[in-house]
Amino acid sequence: MKATIDAAGRLVIRAEIRRQAAIQSGMPPEARWTDSRIEIAPSDAAVQLVRHGRLLVGVPEDGVEHLGPEAVDETRQAVAEERASVTSSPVEP
């Protein structure tokens, strides 16, 4: 994907790539220089450890969308389909 950098040094990334990477408007992404390339990734959510009985549970500090059963099922199905397509693809020598 070709990107544009404006005079202020801002990088414009196409909406489809932002959607796939889960980067939303206003979210500060992480940027790194690694092996002669720039890597941009969604930043990790800040969490606070809260004790629930004997367990420590990470609770997001900022408003994070709740993952309900439907979202979990959709993700599991997508991962299963992706794995099935990878294992059924012919291996090139």
C-alpha atoms as a PDB file:
ATOM      1  CA  MET A   1       0.000   0.000   0.000  1.00  0.00           C
ATOM      2  CA  LYS A   2       1.280   3.430  -0.855  1.00  0.00           C
ATOM      3  CA  ALA A   3       0.765   6.050   1.819  1.00  0.00           C
ATOM      4  CA  THR A   4       0.994   9.823   1.910  1.00  0.00           C
ATOM      5  CA  ILE A   5       3.021  11.922   4.329  1.00  0.00           C
ATOM      6  CA  ASP A   6       1.899  15.553   4.582  1.00  0.00           C
ATOM      7  CA  ALA A   7       4.048  18.623   5.278  1.00  0.00           C
ATOM      8  CA  ALA A   8       3.526  18.189   9.034  1.00  0.00           C
ATOM      9  CA  GLY A   9       4.897  14.625   8.860  1.00  0.00           C
ATOM     10  CA  ARG A  10       1.533  12.919   9.340  1.00  0.00           C
ATOM     11  CA  LEU A  11       1.093   9.550   7.680  1.00  0.00           C
ATOM     12  CA  VAL A  12      -2.232   8.852   5.961  1.00  0.00           C
ATOM     13  CA  ILE A  13      -3.236   5.172   6.090  1.00  0.00           C
ATOM     14  CA  ARG A  14      -6.181   3.876   4.058  1.00  0.00           C
ATOM     15  CA  ALA A  15      -9.382   3.049   5.939  1.00  0.00           C
ATOM     16  CA  GLU A  16      -9.297  -0.668   5.039  1.00  0.00           C
ATOM     17  CA  ILE A  17      -5.809  -1.080   6.540  1.00  0.00           C
ATOM     18  CA  ARG A  18      -6.834   0.852   9.675  1.00  0.00           C
ATOM     19  CA  ARG A  19      -9.909  -1.378  10.045  1.00  0.00           C
ATOM     20  CA  GLN A  20      -7.880  -4.585   9.685  1.00  0.00           C
ATOM     21  CA  ALA A  21      -5.311  -3.317  12.209  1.00  0.00           C
ATOM     22  CA  ALA A  22      -8.018  -2.133  14.640  1.00  0.00           C
ATOM     23  CA  ILE A  23      -6.637   1.415  14.605  1.00  0.00           C
ATOM     24  CA  GLN A  24      -9.433   3.909  15.302  1.00  0.00           C
ATOM     25  CA  SER A  25      -9.574   7.670  14.956  1.00  0.00           C
ATOM     26  CA  GLY A  26      -7.927   9.364  17.940  1.00  0.00           C
ATOM     27  CA  MET A  27      -6.105   6.182  19.008  1.00  0.00           C
ATOM     28  CA  PRO A  28      -2.361   6.744  19.422  1.00  0.00           C
ATOM     29  CA  PRO A  29      -0.646   3.882  17.561  1.00  0.00           C
ATOM     30  CA  GLU A  30       2.812   2.584  18.451  1.00  0.00           C
ATOM     31  CA  ALA A  31       5.519   3.354  15.884  1.00  0.00           C
ATOM     32  CA  ARG A  32       8.905   1.591  15.878  1.00  0.00           C
ATOM     33  CA  TRP A  33      12.026   1.503  13.734  1.00  0.00           C
ATOM     34  CA  THR A  34      12.942  -2.192  13.296  1.00  0.00           C
ATOM     35  CA  ASP A  35      15.347  -3.788  10.825  1.00  0.00           C
ATOM     36  CA  SER A  36      15.394  -0.739   8.528  1.00  0.00           C
ATOM     37  CA  ARG A  37      11.603  -0.413   8.414  1.00  0.00           C
ATOM     38  CA  ILE A  38       8.931   1.539  10.208  1.00  0.00           C
ATOM     39  CA  GLU A  39       6.335  -0.601  11.994  1.00  0.00           C
ATOM     40  CA  ILE A  40       3.009   0.864  13.082  1.00  0.00           C
ATOM     41  CA  ALA A  41       0.720  -1.110  15.385  1.00  0.00           C
ATOM     42  CA  PRO A  42      -2.259  -0.433  17.641  1.00  0.00           C
ATOM     43  CA  SER A  43      -1.087   0.501  21.121  1.00  0.00           C
ATOM     44  CA  ASP A  44      -1.884  -1.849  23.959  1.00  0.00           C
ATOM     45  CA  ALA A  45      -4.748  -0.882  26.226  1.00  0.00           C
ATOM     46  CA  ALA A  46      -3.698   0.370  29.656  1.00  0.00           C
ATOM     47  CA  VAL A  47      -4.943  -1.997  32.343  1.00  0.00           C
ATOM     48  CA  GLN A  48      -5.127  -1.978  36.105  1.00  0.00           C
ATOM     49  CA  LEU A  49      -4.741  -5.239  38.012  1.00  0.00           C
ATOM     50  CA  VAL A  50      -7.702  -5.867  40.311  1.00  0.00           C
ATOM     51  CA  ARG A  51      -7.949  -8.762  42.750  1.00  0.00           C
ATOM     52  CA  HIS A  52     -11.005 -11.002  42.314  1.00  0.00           C
ATOM     53  CA  GLY A  53     -10.768 -13.630  45.036  1.00  0.00           C
ATOM     54  CA  ARG A  54      -7.379 -15.338  44.563  1.00  0.00           C
ATOM     55  CA  LEU A  55      -6.945 -14.048  41.010  1.00  0.00           C
ATOM     56  CA  LEU A  56      -5.556 -10.817  39.612  1.00  0.00           C
ATOM     57  CA  VAL A  57      -7.619  -9.626  36.662  1.00  0.00           C
ATOM     58  CA  GLY A  58      -6.591  -6.956  34.148  1.00  0.00           C
ATOM     59  CA  VAL A  59      -9.307  -4.287  33.898  1.00  0.00           C
ATOM     60  CA  PRO A  60      -8.971  -1.671  31.126  1.00  0.00           C
ATOM     61  CA  GLU A  61      -8.431   1.876  32.388  1.00  0.00           C
ATOM     62  CA  ASP A  62      -9.959   3.491  29.295  1.00  0.00           C
ATOM     63  CA  GLY A  63     -13.300   2.770  27.717  1.00  0.00           C
ATOM     64  CA  VAL A  64     -12.811  -0.434  25.759  1.00  0.00           C
ATOM     65  CA  GLU A  65     -15.588  -2.051  23.780  1.00  0.00           C
ATOM     66  CA  HIS A  66     -17.053  -5.020  25.657  1.00  0.00           C
ATOM     67  CA  LEU A  67     -16.500  -8.346  23.912  1.00  0.00           C
ATOM     68  CA  GLY A  68     -19.781 -10.165  24.176  1.00  0.00           C
ATOM     69  CA  PRO A  69     -20.368 -13.802  23.304  1.00  0.00           C
ATOM     70  CA  GLU A  70     -21.233 -12.901  19.705  1.00  0.00           C
ATOM     71  CA  ALA A  71     -17.892 -11.133  19.126  1.00  0.00           C
ATOM     72  CA  VAL A  72     -15.991 -14.037  20.689  1.00  0.00           C
ATOM     73  CA  ASP A  73     -17.850 -16.574  18.523  1.00  0.00           C
ATOM     74  CA  GLU A  74     -17.205 -14.516  15.354  1.00  0.00           C
ATOM     75  CA  THR A  75     -13.497 -14.310  16.149  1.00  0.00           C
ATOM     76  CA  ARG A  76     -13.232 -18.033  16.899  1.00  0.00           C
ATOM     77  CA  GLN A  77     -15.021 -18.861  13.630  1.00  0.00           C
ATOM     78  CA  ALA A  78     -12.763 -16.514  11.622  1.00  0.00           C
ATOM     79  CA  VAL A  79      -9.617 -18.053  13.156  1.00  0.00           C
ATOM     80  CA  ALA A  80     -10.890 -21.589  12.500  1.00  0.00           C
ATOM     81  CA  GLU A  81     -11.664 -20.713   8.853  1.00  0.00           C
ATOM     82  CA  GLU A  82      -8.259 -19.082   8.411  1.00  0.00           C
ATOM     83  CA  ARG A  83      -6.482 -22.118   9.857  1.00  0.00           C
ATOM     84  CA  ALA A  84      -8.530 -24.458   7.658  1.00  0.00           C
ATOM     85  CA  SER A  85      -7.629 -22.502   4.528  1.00  0.00           C
ATOM     86  CA  VAL A  86      -3.928 -22.511   5.446  1.00  0.00           C
ATOM     87  CA  THR A  87      -3.822 -26.260   6.103  1.00  0.00           C
ATOM     88  CA  SER A  88      -5.789 -27.074   2.929  1.00  0.00           C
ATOM     89  CA  SER A  89      -3.659 -24.843   0.679  1.00  0.00           C
ATOM     90  CA  PRO A  90      -1.151 -26.708  -1.459  1.00  0.00           C
ATOM     91  CA  VAL A  91       2.442 -26.243  -0.368  1.00  0.00           C
ATOM     92  CA  GLU A  92       4.711 -24.930  -3.085  1.00  0.00           C
ATOM     93  CA  PRO A  93       8.226 -26.386  -3.295  1.00  0.00           C
END
